[in-house]
Every structure is written in structure tokens, then in C-alpha cells.
PDB file of N, CA and C in Angstrom:
ATOM      1  N   MET A   1       3.716   7.058   8.647  1.00  0.00           N
ATOM      2  CA  MET A   1       3.794   6.333   7.392  1.00  0.00           C
ATOM      3  C   MET A   1       4.451   7.246   6.364  1.00  0.00           C
ATOM      4  N   SER A   2       5.437   6.731   5.690  1.00  0.00           N
ATOM      5  CA  SER A   2       6.124   7.482   4.641  1.00  0.00           C
ATOM      6  C   SER A   2       5.525   7.122   3.277  1.00  0.00           C
ATOM      7  N   PRO A   3       5.775   7.926   2.250  1.00  0.00           N
ATOM      8  CA  PRO A   3       5.306   7.579   0.909  1.00  0.00           C
ATOM      9  C   PRO A   3       5.852   6.220   0.437  1.00  0.00           C
ATOM     10  N   GLN A   4       7.086   5.896   0.800  1.00  0.00           N
ATOM     11  CA  GLN A   4       7.681   4.625   0.389  1.00  0.00           C
ATOM     12  C   GLN A   4       6.962   3.444   1.030  1.00  0.00           C
ATOM     13  N   LEU A   5       6.647   3.551   2.323  1.00  0.00           N
ATOM     14  CA  LEU A   5       5.922   2.479   3.000  1.00  0.00           C
ATOM     15  C   LEU A   5       4.493   2.364   2.477  1.00  0.00           C
ATOM     16  N   ALA A   6       3.880   3.498   2.128  1.00  0.00           N
ATOM     17  CA  ALA A   6       2.538   3.466   1.539  1.00  0.00           C
ATOM     18  C   ALA A   6       2.574   2.715   0.209  1.00  0.00           C
ATOM     19  N   ALA A   7       3.624   2.926  -0.580  1.00  0.00           N
ATOM     20  CA  ALA A   7       3.764   2.223  -1.859  1.00  0.00           C
ATOM     21  C   ALA A   7       3.904   0.721  -1.643  1.00  0.00           C
ATOM     22  N   VAL A   8       4.691   0.319  -0.653  1.00  0.00           N
ATOM     23  CA  VAL A   8       4.870  -1.110  -0.349  1.00  0.00           C
ATOM     24  C   VAL A   8       3.536  -1.725   0.070  1.00  0.00           C
ATOM     25  N   ALA A   9       2.806  -1.038   0.953  1.00  0.00           N
ATOM     26  CA  ALA A   9       1.516  -1.553   1.409  1.00  0.00           C
ATOM     27  C   ALA A   9       0.539  -1.683   0.246  1.00  0.00           C
ATOM     28  N   ALA A  10       0.512  -0.701  -0.648  1.00  0.00           N
ATOM     29  CA  ALA A  10      -0.411  -0.728  -1.780  1.00  0.00           C
ATOM     30  C   ALA A  10      -0.067  -1.857  -2.754  1.00  0.00           C
ATOM     31  N   VAL A  11       1.204  -2.054  -3.041  1.00  0.00           N
ATOM     32  CA  VAL A  11       1.613  -3.130  -3.956  1.00  0.00           C
ATOM     33  C   VAL A  11       1.279  -4.490  -3.357  1.00  0.00           C
ATOM     34  N   ALA A  12       1.530  -4.664  -2.062  1.00  0.00           N
ATOM     35  CA  ALA A  12       1.205  -5.937  -1.408  1.00  0.00           C
ATOM     36  C   ALA A  12      -0.288  -6.206  -1.469  1.00  0.00           C
ATOM     37  N   TRP A  13      -1.101  -5.189  -1.282  1.00  0.00           N
ATOM     38  CA  TRP A  13      -2.552  -5.333  -1.335  1.00  0.00           C
ATOM     39  C   TRP A  13      -3.024  -5.608  -2.764  1.00  0.00           C
ATOM     40  N   ALA A  14      -2.496  -4.863  -3.714  1.00  0.00           N
ATOM     41  CA  ALA A  14      -2.952  -4.982  -5.105  1.00  0.00           C
ATOM     42  C   ALA A  14      -2.502  -6.279  -5.761  1.00  0.00           C
ATOM     43  N   GLY A  15      -1.288  -6.738  -5.445  1.00  0.00           N
ATOM     44  CA  GLY A  15      -0.731  -7.900  -6.129  1.00  0.00           C
ATOM     45  C   GLY A  15      -0.480  -9.101  -5.260  1.00  0.00           C
ATOM     46  N   GLY A  16      -0.749  -8.989  -3.996  1.00  0.00           N
ATOM     47  CA  GLY A  16      -0.574 -10.135  -3.109  1.00  0.00           C
ATOM     48  C   GLY A  16       0.841 -10.289  -2.609  1.00  0.00           C
ATOM     49  N   VAL A  17       0.986 -11.229  -1.712  1.00  0.00           N
ATOM     50  CA  VAL A  17       2.250 -11.498  -1.039  1.00  0.00           C
ATOM     51  C   VAL A  17       2.535 -12.980  -1.179  1.00  0.00           C
ATOM     52  N   SER A  18       3.762 -13.323  -1.574  1.00  0.00           N
ATOM     53  CA  SER A  18       4.111 -14.745  -1.665  1.00  0.00           C
ATOM     54  C   SER A  18       5.504 -14.954  -1.081  1.00  0.00           C
ATOM     55  N   PRO A  19       5.662 -15.994  -0.260  1.00  0.00           N
ATOM     56  CA  PRO A  19       6.978 -16.275   0.324  1.00  0.00           C
ATOM     57  C   PRO A  19       7.953 -16.739  -0.754  1.00  0.00           C
ATOM     58  N   ASP A  20       9.195 -16.318  -0.648  1.00  0.00           N
ATOM     59  CA  ASP A  20      10.236 -16.733  -1.584  1.00  0.00           C
ATOM     60  C   ASP A  20      10.810 -18.063  -1.090  1.00  0.00           C
ATOM     61  N   ALA A  21      10.518 -19.140  -1.805  1.00  0.00           N
ATOM     62  CA  ALA A  21      10.936 -20.483  -1.378  1.00  0.00           C
ATOM     63  C   ALA A  21      12.451 -20.629  -1.331  1.00  0.00           C
ATOM     64  N   SER A  22      13.160 -19.914  -2.205  1.00  0.00           N
ATOM     65  CA  SER A  22      14.613 -20.046  -2.229  1.00  0.00           C
ATOM     66  C   SER A  22      15.267 -19.299  -1.057  1.00  0.00           C
ATOM     67  N   LYS A  23      14.559 -18.315  -0.505  1.00  0.00           N
ATOM     68  CA  LYS A  23      15.065 -17.542   0.631  1.00  0.00           C
ATOM     69  C   LYS A  23      13.939 -17.457   1.656  1.00  0.00           C
ATOM     70  N   PRO A  24      13.838 -18.422   2.557  1.00  0.00           N
ATOM     71  CA  PRO A  24      12.690 -18.555   3.454  1.00  0.00           C
ATOM     72  C   PRO A  24      12.318 -17.315   4.260  1.00  0.00           C
ATOM     73  N   ARG A  25      13.215 -16.408   4.469  1.00  0.00           N
ATOM     74  CA  ARG A  25      12.892 -15.235   5.270  1.00  0.00           C
ATOM     75  C   ARG A  25      12.433 -14.049   4.429  1.00  0.00           C
ATOM     76  N   LEU A  26      12.411 -14.190   3.101  1.00  0.00           N
ATOM     77  CA  LEU A  26      12.015 -13.088   2.231  1.00  0.00           C
ATOM     78  C   LEU A  26      10.610 -13.302   1.677  1.00  0.00           C
ATOM     79  N   THR A  27       9.954 -12.213   1.375  1.00  0.00           N
ATOM     80  CA  THR A  27       8.628 -12.246   0.787  1.00  0.00           C
ATOM     81  C   THR A  27       8.647 -11.410  -0.482  1.00  0.00           C
ATOM     82  N   THR A  28       7.995 -11.903  -1.509  1.00  0.00           N
ATOM     83  CA  THR A  28       7.899 -11.177  -2.768  1.00  0.00           C
ATOM     84  C   THR A  28       6.530 -10.512  -2.848  1.00  0.00           C
ATOM     85  N   ILE A  29       6.499  -9.226  -3.173  1.00  0.00           N
ATOM     86  CA  ILE A  29       5.227  -8.542  -3.383  1.00  0.00           C
ATOM     87  C   ILE A  29       5.205  -7.995  -4.807  1.00  0.00           C
ATOM     88  N   GLY A  30       4.050  -8.135  -5.446  1.00  0.00           N
ATOM     89  CA  GLY A  30       3.873  -7.586  -6.789  1.00  0.00           C
ATOM     90  C   GLY A  30       4.768  -8.205  -7.837  1.00  0.00           C
ATOM     91  N   GLY A  31       5.200  -9.446  -7.641  1.00  0.00           N
ATOM     92  CA  GLY A  31       6.110 -10.106  -8.576  1.00  0.00           C
ATOM     93  C   GLY A  31       5.387 -10.886  -9.657  1.00  0.00           C
ATOM     94  N   ALA A  32       5.972 -12.006 -10.040  1.00  0.00           N
ATOM     95  CA  ALA A  32       5.482 -12.793 -11.170  1.00  0.00           C
ATOM     96  C   ALA A  32       4.185 -13.545 -10.890  1.00  0.00           C
ATOM     97  N   THR A  33       3.904 -13.833  -9.625  1.00  0.00           N
ATOM     98  CA  THR A  33       2.695 -14.583  -9.286  1.00  0.00           C
ATOM     99  C   THR A  33       1.525 -13.628  -9.089  1.00  0.00           C
ATOM    100  N   PRO A  34       0.461 -13.750  -9.907  1.00  0.00           N
ATOM    101  CA  PRO A  34      -0.690 -12.864  -9.737  1.00  0.00           C
ATOM    102  C   PRO A  34      -1.391 -13.125  -8.408  1.00  0.00           C
ATOM    103  N   GLY A  35      -1.917 -12.083  -7.820  1.00  0.00           N
ATOM    104  CA  GLY A  35      -2.641 -12.224  -6.563  1.00  0.00           C
ATOM    105  C   GLY A  35      -3.177 -10.891  -6.098  1.00  0.00           C
ATOM    106  N   GLY A  36      -3.587 -10.848  -4.858  1.00  0.00           N
ATOM    107  CA  GLY A  36      -4.084  -9.620  -4.262  1.00  0.00           C
ATOM    108  C   GLY A  36      -5.435  -9.194  -4.791  1.00  0.00           C
ATOM    109  N   PHE A  37      -5.819  -7.983  -4.453  1.00  0.00           N
ATOM    110  CA  PHE A  37      -7.134  -7.455  -4.811  1.00  0.00           C
ATOM    111  C   PHE A  37      -7.356  -7.437  -6.321  1.00  0.00           C
ATOM    112  N   TYR A  38      -6.333  -7.022  -7.081  1.00  0.00           N
ATOM    113  CA  TYR A  38      -6.471  -6.917  -8.534  1.00  0.00           C
ATOM    114  C   TYR A  38      -6.029  -8.174  -9.277  1.00  0.00           C
ATOM    115  N   ASN A  39      -5.533  -9.162  -8.542  1.00  0.00           N
ATOM    116  CA  ASN A  39      -4.971 -10.373  -9.156  1.00  0.00           C
ATOM    117  C   ASN A  39      -3.937  -9.974 -10.212  1.00  0.00           C
ATOM    118  N   ALA A  40      -3.062  -9.078  -9.817  1.00  0.00           N
ATOM    119  CA  ALA A  40      -2.073  -8.493 -10.717  1.00  0.00           C
ATOM    120  C   ALA A  40      -0.686  -9.070 -10.465  1.00  0.00           C
ATOM    121  N   SER A  41       0.152  -8.969 -11.484  1.00  0.00           N
ATOM    122  CA  SER A  41       1.554  -9.371 -11.368  1.00  0.00           C
ATOM    123  C   SER A  41       2.427  -8.283 -11.996  1.00  0.00           C
ATOM    124  N   TYR A  42       3.715  -8.367 -11.742  1.00  0.00           N
ATOM    125  CA  TYR A  42       4.700  -7.411 -12.281  1.00  0.00           C
ATOM    126  C   TYR A  42       4.255  -5.960 -12.058  1.00  0.00           C
ATOM    127  N   ILE A  43       3.987  -5.628 -10.812  1.00  0.00           N
ATOM    128  CA  ILE A  43       3.460  -4.306 -10.464  1.00  0.00           C
ATOM    129  C   ILE A  43       4.592  -3.290 -10.342  1.00  0.00           C
ATOM    130  N   ARG A  44       4.340  -2.109 -10.896  1.00  0.00           N
ATOM    131  CA  ARG A  44       5.253  -0.968 -10.776  1.00  0.00           C
ATOM    132  C   ARG A  44       4.483   0.203 -10.188  1.00  0.00           C
ATOM    133  N   VAL A  45       5.114   0.953  -9.325  1.00  0.00           N
ATOM    134  CA  VAL A  45       4.498   2.152  -8.760  1.00  0.00           C
ATOM    135  C   VAL A  45       4.814   3.320  -9.689  1.00  0.00           C
ATOM    136  N   ASP A  46       3.764   4.028 -10.106  1.00  0.00           N
ATOM    137  CA  ASP A  46       3.938   5.207 -10.958  1.00  0.00           C
ATOM    138  C   ASP A  46       4.075   6.478 -10.128  1.00  0.00           C
ATOM    139  N   SER A  47       3.260   6.594  -9.063  1.00  0.00           N
ATOM    140  CA  SER A  47       3.331   7.788  -8.218  1.00  0.00           C
ATOM    141  C   SER A  47       2.685   7.517  -6.871  1.00  0.00           C
ATOM    142  N   VAL A  48       3.075   8.326  -5.888  1.00  0.00           N
ATOM    143  CA  VAL A  48       2.469   8.306  -4.555  1.00  0.00           C
ATOM    144  C   VAL A  48       2.181   9.761  -4.213  1.00  0.00           C
ATOM    145  N   ASP A  49       0.907  10.088  -4.055  1.00  0.00           N
ATOM    146  CA  ASP A  49       0.498  11.461  -3.768  1.00  0.00           C
ATOM    147  C   ASP A  49      -0.235  11.519  -2.439  1.00  0.00           C
ATOM    148  N   TYR A  50       0.184  12.452  -1.586  1.00  0.00           N
ATOM    149  CA  TYR A  50      -0.473  12.628  -0.295  1.00  0.00           C
ATOM    150  C   TYR A  50      -1.717  13.482  -0.489  1.00  0.00           C
ATOM    151  N   GLN A  51      -2.842  12.995  -0.004  1.00  0.00           N
ATOM    152  CA  GLN A  51      -4.117  13.701  -0.096  1.00  0.00           C
ATOM    153  C   GLN A  51      -4.553  14.076   1.317  1.00  0.00           C
ATOM    154  N   THR A  52      -5.109  15.272   1.492  1.00  0.00           N
ATOM    155  CA  THR A  52      -5.480  15.728   2.830  1.00  0.00           C
ATOM    156  C   THR A  52      -6.944  15.500   3.173  1.00  0.00           C
ATOM    157  N   GLY A  53      -7.785  15.224   2.210  1.00  0.00           N
ATOM    158  CA  GLY A  53      -9.198  15.084   2.553  1.00  0.00           C
ATOM    159  C   GLY A  53      -9.897  14.066   1.701  1.00  0.00           C
ATOM    160  N   PRO A  54     -10.969  13.505   2.161  1.00  0.00           N
ATOM    161  CA  PRO A  54     -11.689  13.870   3.380  1.00  0.00           C
ATOM    162  C   PRO A  54     -10.954  13.453   4.658  1.00  0.00           C
ATOM    163  N   VAL A  55     -10.084  12.472   4.598  1.00  0.00           N
ATOM    164  CA  VAL A  55      -9.148  12.138   5.680  1.00  0.00           C
ATOM    165  C   VAL A  55      -7.782  12.008   5.022  1.00  0.00           C
ATOM    166  N   PRO A  56      -6.692  12.240   5.746  1.00  0.00           N
ATOM    167  CA  PRO A  56      -5.369  12.126   5.129  1.00  0.00           C
ATOM    168  C   PRO A  56      -5.083  10.685   4.670  1.00  0.00           C
ATOM    169  N   TYR A  57      -4.558  10.566   3.442  1.00  0.00           N
ATOM    170  CA  TYR A  57      -4.197   9.260   2.887  1.00  0.00           C
ATOM    171  C   TYR A  57      -3.206   9.438   1.748  1.00  0.00           C
ATOM    172  N   TYR A  58      -2.572   8.333   1.374  1.00  0.00           N
ATOM    173  CA  TYR A  58      -1.684   8.311   0.210  1.00  0.00           C
ATOM    174  C   TYR A  58      -2.425   7.634  -0.937  1.00  0.00           C
ATOM    175  N   LEU A  59      -2.465   8.287  -2.086  1.00  0.00           N
ATOM    176  CA  LEU A  59      -3.044   7.694  -3.292  1.00  0.00           C
ATOM    177  C   LEU A  59      -1.879   7.146  -4.113  1.00  0.00           C
ATOM    178  N   VAL A  60      -1.843   5.825  -4.250  1.00  0.00           N
ATOM    179  CA  VAL A  60      -0.748   5.161  -4.957  1.00  0.00           C
ATOM    180  C   VAL A  60      -1.241   4.715  -6.321  1.00  0.00           C
ATOM    181  N   LYS A  61      -0.644   5.271  -7.367  1.00  0.00           N
ATOM    182  CA  LYS A  61      -0.969   4.881  -8.741  1.00  0.00           C
ATOM    183  C   LYS A  61       0.038   3.820  -9.163  1.00  0.00           C
ATOM    184  N   MET A  62      -0.488   2.692  -9.638  1.00  0.00           N
ATOM    185  CA  MET A  62       0.365   1.563 -10.032  1.00  0.00           C
ATOM    186  C   MET A  62      -0.043   1.079 -11.409  1.00  0.00           C
ATOM    187  N   ASN A  63       0.812   0.248 -11.986  1.00  0.00           N
ATOM    188  CA  ASN A  63       0.422  -0.474 -13.194  1.00  0.00           C
ATOM    189  C   ASN A  63       0.986  -1.877 -13.080  1.00  0.00           C
ATOM    190  N   GLY A  64       0.280  -2.810 -13.706  1.00  0.00           N
ATOM    191  CA  GLY A  64       0.701  -4.198 -13.627  1.00  0.00           C
ATOM    192  C   GLY A  64      -0.042  -5.054 -14.625  1.00  0.00           C
ATOM    193  N   GLN A  65       0.375  -6.278 -14.705  1.00  0.00           N
ATOM    194  CA  GLN A  65      -0.213  -7.240 -15.623  1.00  0.00           C
ATOM    195  C   GLN A  65      -1.469  -7.834 -14.985  1.00  0.00           C
ATOM    196  N   ILE A  66      -2.610  -7.648 -15.632  1.00  0.00           N
ATOM    197  CA  ILE A  66      -3.876  -8.263 -15.211  1.00  0.00           C
ATOM    198  C   ILE A  66      -4.382  -9.029 -16.422  1.00  0.00           C
ATOM    199  N   GLY A  67      -4.359 -10.346 -16.309  1.00  0.00           N
ATOM    200  CA  GLY A  67      -4.710 -11.163 -17.473  1.00  0.00           C
ATOM    201  C   GLY A  67      -3.672 -10.977 -18.561  1.00  0.00           C
ATOM    202  N   GLN A  68      -4.128 -10.644 -19.746  1.00  0.00           N
ATOM    203  CA  GLN A  68      -3.229 -10.498 -20.891  1.00  0.00           C
ATOM    204  C   GLN A  68      -2.807  -9.048 -21.157  1.00  0.00           C
ATOM    205  N   SER A  69      -3.273  -8.108 -20.340  1.00  0.00           N
ATOM    206  CA  SER A  69      -2.941  -6.710 -20.624  1.00  0.00           C
ATOM    207  C   SER A  69      -2.347  -6.011 -19.410  1.00  0.00           C
ATOM    208  N   ARG A  70      -1.633  -4.935 -19.676  1.00  0.00           N
ATOM    209  CA  ARG A  70      -1.059  -4.105 -18.617  1.00  0.00           C
ATOM    210  C   ARG A  70      -2.090  -3.035 -18.288  1.00  0.00           C
ATOM    211  N   GLU A  71      -2.434  -2.911 -17.016  1.00  0.00           N
ATOM    212  CA  GLU A  71      -3.497  -2.015 -16.577  1.00  0.00           C
ATOM    213  C   GLU A  71      -2.963  -1.015 -15.555  1.00  0.00           C
ATOM    214  N   THR A  72      -3.655   0.111 -15.436  1.00  0.00           N
ATOM    215  CA  THR A  72      -3.377   1.088 -14.388  1.00  0.00           C
ATOM    216  C   THR A  72      -4.420   0.895 -13.301  1.00  0.00           C
ATOM    217  N   PHE A  73      -3.996   0.938 -12.032  1.00  0.00           N
ATOM    218  CA  PHE A  73      -4.927   0.814 -10.919  1.00  0.00           C
ATOM    219  C   PHE A  73      -4.377   1.585  -9.733  1.00  0.00           C
ATOM    220  N   TYR A  74      -5.201   1.739  -8.712  1.00  0.00           N
ATOM    221  CA  TYR A  74      -4.876   2.613  -7.595  1.00  0.00           C
ATOM    222  C   TYR A  74      -5.078   1.918  -6.257  1.00  0.00           C
ATOM    223  N   GLY A  75      -4.379   2.410  -5.254  1.00  0.00           N
ATOM    224  CA  GLY A  75      -4.585   1.997  -3.874  1.00  0.00           C
ATOM    225  C   GLY A  75      -4.593   3.239  -3.000  1.00  0.00           C
ATOM    226  N   ALA A  76      -5.478   3.259  -2.015  1.00  0.00           N
ATOM    227  CA  ALA A  76      -5.538   4.361  -1.055  1.00  0.00           C
ATOM    228  C   ALA A  76      -5.077   3.812   0.295  1.00  0.00           C
ATOM    229  N   VAL A  77      -4.008   4.394   0.831  1.00  0.00           N
ATOM    230  CA  VAL A  77      -3.411   3.905   2.077  1.00  0.00           C
ATOM    231  C   VAL A  77      -3.533   4.998   3.135  1.00  0.00           C
ATOM    232  N   LEU A  78      -4.215   4.658   4.229  1.00  0.00           N
ATOM    233  CA  LEU A  78      -4.349   5.612   5.337  1.00  0.00           C
ATOM    234  C   LEU A  78      -3.012   5.780   6.049  1.00  0.00           C
ATOM    235  N   GLU A  79      -2.882   6.824   6.836  1.00  0.00           N
ATOM    236  CA  GLU A  79      -1.626   7.110   7.523  1.00  0.00           C
ATOM    237  C   GLU A  79      -1.192   6.006   8.480  1.00  0.00           C
ATOM    238  N   ASP A  80      -2.145   5.173   8.941  1.00  0.00           N
ATOM    239  CA  ASP A  80      -1.786   4.077   9.841  1.00  0.00           C
ATOM    240  C   ASP A  80      -1.490   2.773   9.093  1.00  0.00           C
ATOM    241  N   GLY A  81      -1.481   2.839   7.752  1.00  0.00           N
ATOM    242  CA  GLY A  81      -1.129   1.673   6.942  1.00  0.00           C
ATOM    243  C   GLY A  81      -2.297   0.851   6.454  1.00  0.00           C
ATOM    244  N   ARG A  82      -3.510   1.148   6.919  1.00  0.00           N
ATOM    245  CA  ARG A  82      -4.683   0.405   6.433  1.00  0.00           C
ATOM    246  C   ARG A  82      -5.028   0.824   5.013  1.00  0.00           C
ATOM    247  N   ILE A  83      -5.541  -0.130   4.252  1.00  0.00           N
ATOM    248  CA  ILE A  83      -5.964   0.119   2.876  1.00  0.00           C
ATOM    249  C   ILE A  83      -7.454   0.430   2.873  1.00  0.00           C
ATOM    250  N   VAL A  84      -7.852   1.404   2.055  1.00  0.00           N
ATOM    251  CA  VAL A  84      -9.263   1.699   1.855  1.00  0.00           C
ATOM    252  C   VAL A  84      -9.707   0.868   0.662  1.00  0.00           C
ATOM    253  N   ALA A  85     -10.514  -0.166   0.920  1.00  0.00           N
ATOM    254  CA  ALA A  85     -10.951  -1.061  -0.152  1.00  0.00           C
ATOM    255  C   ALA A  85     -12.061  -0.403  -0.964  1.00  0.00           C
ATOM    256  N   PRO A  86     -11.968  -0.477  -2.288  1.00  0.00           N
ATOM    257  CA  PRO A  86     -13.021   0.090  -3.127  1.00  0.00           C
ATOM    258  C   PRO A  86     -14.316  -0.717  -2.996  1.00  0.00           C
ATOM    259  N   ILE A  87     -15.423  -0.039  -3.182  1.00  0.00           N
ATOM    260  CA  ILE A  87     -16.732  -0.694  -3.152  1.00  0.00           C
ATOM    261  C   ILE A  87     -17.273  -0.715  -4.571  1.00  0.00           C
ATOM    262  N   PRO A  88     -17.561  -1.913  -5.107  1.00  0.00           N
ATOM    263  CA  PRO A  88     -18.082  -1.990  -6.476  1.00  0.00           C
ATOM    264  C   PRO A  88     -19.458  -1.322  -6.591  1.00  0.00           C
ATOM    265  N   VAL A  89     -19.642  -0.603  -7.680  1.00  0.00           N
ATOM    266  CA  VAL A  89     -20.921   0.018  -7.992  1.00  0.00           C
ATOM    267  C   VAL A  89     -21.280  -0.409  -9.401  1.00  0.00           C
ATOM    268  N   SER A  90     -22.507  -0.862  -9.592  1.00  0.00           N
ATOM    269  CA  SER A  90     -22.897  -1.328 -10.927  1.00  0.00           C
ATOM    270  C   SER A  90     -23.058  -0.148 -11.867  1.00  0.00           C
ATOM    271  N   GLY A  91     -22.942  -0.416 -13.157  1.00  0.00           N
ATOM    272  CA  GLY A  91     -23.083   0.617 -14.174  1.00  0.00           C
ATOM    273  C   GLY A  91     -24.438   1.272 -14.143  1.00  0.00           C
ATOM    274  N   ALA A  92     -25.498   0.504 -13.876  1.00  0.00           N
ATOM    275  CA  ALA A  92     -26.850   1.054 -13.833  1.00  0.00           C
ATOM    276  C   ALA A  92     -26.982   2.079 -12.716  1.00  0.00           C
ATOM    277  N   GLU A  93     -26.397   1.800 -11.553  1.00  0.00           N
ATOM    278  CA  GLU A  93     -26.474   2.734 -10.439  1.00  0.00           C
ATOM    279  C   GLU A  93     -25.703   4.010 -10.748  1.00  0.00           C
ATOM    280  N   GLN A  94     -24.542   3.877 -11.380  1.00  0.00           N
ATOM    281  CA  GLN A  94     -23.759   5.057 -11.743  1.00  0.00           C
ATOM    282  C   GLN A  94     -24.546   5.923 -12.718  1.00  0.00           C
ATOM    283  N   THR A  95     -25.178   5.315 -13.709  1.00  0.00           N
ATOM    284  CA  THR A  95     -25.938   6.051 -14.714  1.00  0.00           C
ATOM    285  C   THR A  95     -27.116   6.762 -14.070  1.00  0.00           C
ATOM    286  N   LYS A  96     -27.833   6.079 -13.172  1.00  0.00           N
ATOM    287  CA  LYS A  96     -28.971   6.680 -12.472  1.00  0.00           C
ATOM    288  C   LYS A  96     -28.527   7.887 -11.659  1.00  0.00           C
ATOM    289  N   ALA A  97     -27.424   7.748 -10.937  1.00  0.00           N
ATOM    290  CA  ALA A  97     -26.934   8.842 -10.099  1.00  0.00           C
ATOM    291  C   ALA A  97     -26.528  10.039 -10.956  1.00  0.00           C
ATOM    292  N   ALA A  98     -25.864   9.788 -12.074  1.00  0.00           N
ATOM    293  CA  ALA A  98     -25.445  10.879 -12.966  1.00  0.00           C
ATOM    294  C   ALA A  98     -26.657  11.584 -13.551  1.00  0.00           C
ATOM    295  N   LYS A  99     -27.656  10.835 -13.965  1.00  0.00           N
ATOM    296  CA  LYS A  99     -28.879  11.438 -14.527  1.00  0.00           C
ATOM    297  C   LYS A  99     -29.601  12.244 -13.464  1.00  0.00           C
ATOM    298  N   SER A 100     -29.624  11.733 -12.234  1.00  0.00           N
ATOM    299  CA  SER A 100     -30.291  12.433 -11.142  1.00  0.00           C
ATOM    300  C   SER A 100     -29.605  13.769 -10.873  1.00  0.00           C
ATOM    301  N   ARG A 101     -28.275  13.784 -10.841  1.00  0.00           N
ATOM    302  CA  ARG A 101     -27.529  15.030 -10.628  1.00  0.00           C
ATOM    303  C   ARG A 101     -27.787  16.003 -11.765  1.00  0.00           C
ATOM    304  N   GLN A 102     -27.809  15.494 -12.985  1.00  0.00           N
ATOM    305  CA  GLN A 102     -28.030  16.350 -14.157  1.00  0.00           C
ATOM    306  C   GLN A 102     -29.445  16.940 -14.118  1.00  0.00           C
ATOM    307  N   HIS A 103     -30.425  16.143 -13.735  1.00  0.00           N
ATOM    308  CA  HIS A 103     -31.805  16.602 -13.673  1.00  0.00           C
ATOM    309  C   HIS A 103     -31.966  17.681 -12.615  1.00  0.00           C
ATOM    310  N   ARG A 104     -31.287  17.553 -11.476  1.00  0.00           N
ATOM    311  CA  ARG A 104     -31.389  18.552 -10.404  1.00  0.00           C
ATOM    312  C   ARG A 104     -30.793  19.883 -10.817  1.00  0.00           C
ATOM    313  N   ARG A 105     -29.788  19.871 -11.692  1.00  0.00           N
ATOM    314  CA  ARG A 105     -29.144  21.119 -12.124  1.00  0.00           C
ATOM    315  C   ARG A 105     -30.048  21.938 -13.042  1.00  0.00           C
ATOM    316  N   GLN A 106     -30.963  21.284 -13.718  1.00  0.00           N
ATOM    317  CA  GLN A 106     -31.802  21.981 -14.709  1.00  0.00           C
ATOM    318  C   GLN A 106     -32.914  22.767 -14.088  1.00  0.00           C
TER     319      GLN A 106
END
């Protein structure tokens, strides 16, 4: 997997894939139609960085239109092209974990 292919995979995942009706053999990714994991449109890749751990992957930083604002978001693409899907964590759990770590340090 090259950095360029990792970027394509991340944009397709983040913004979805839609067939181009005017050209039946082409597919548009990250274009005007919102979709994908972030329900984003007009996606641009800002950077692709290779990370070695805990397993090798490409971290793709993107920005795109989500609702009425332009947002920054990320995709993690493994060397075989699979996407690492984020797992939502509630704010209460994050706060508890941070307090627990802080308490252990004291």
C-alpha cells in the first residue's frame, strides 16, 4: 500500500463512494454528495503519515464539509487497505479515566 492509495481509501471511507451517472464506469469519492463514516463532502487530504506502532498504518489527515462547517478528521489505513474504525467513547468515561490516571500519579 502506498501513501497515495491510503489517501484514496481514507477519503472513500470518510466521505463515501457514489457512481458518476454521466460516466457509468467512474466513481466519485469525497465529492459533493455527503456520505461515508463522517457524512462529509468536498474532502481534501492534508497529509498522509506512516506510523510504525502499535501496528504499521497510514494516518490520513483530511478536511471536509460536515453540515454547515469545514471540519478536520482522520482515517487510519492498515498496510492491507483496511480501515481502523474509531470506537465512540462517552465524555463521562473519558473524564473518569483521566481522573483515575491523575489520582494514581499522586
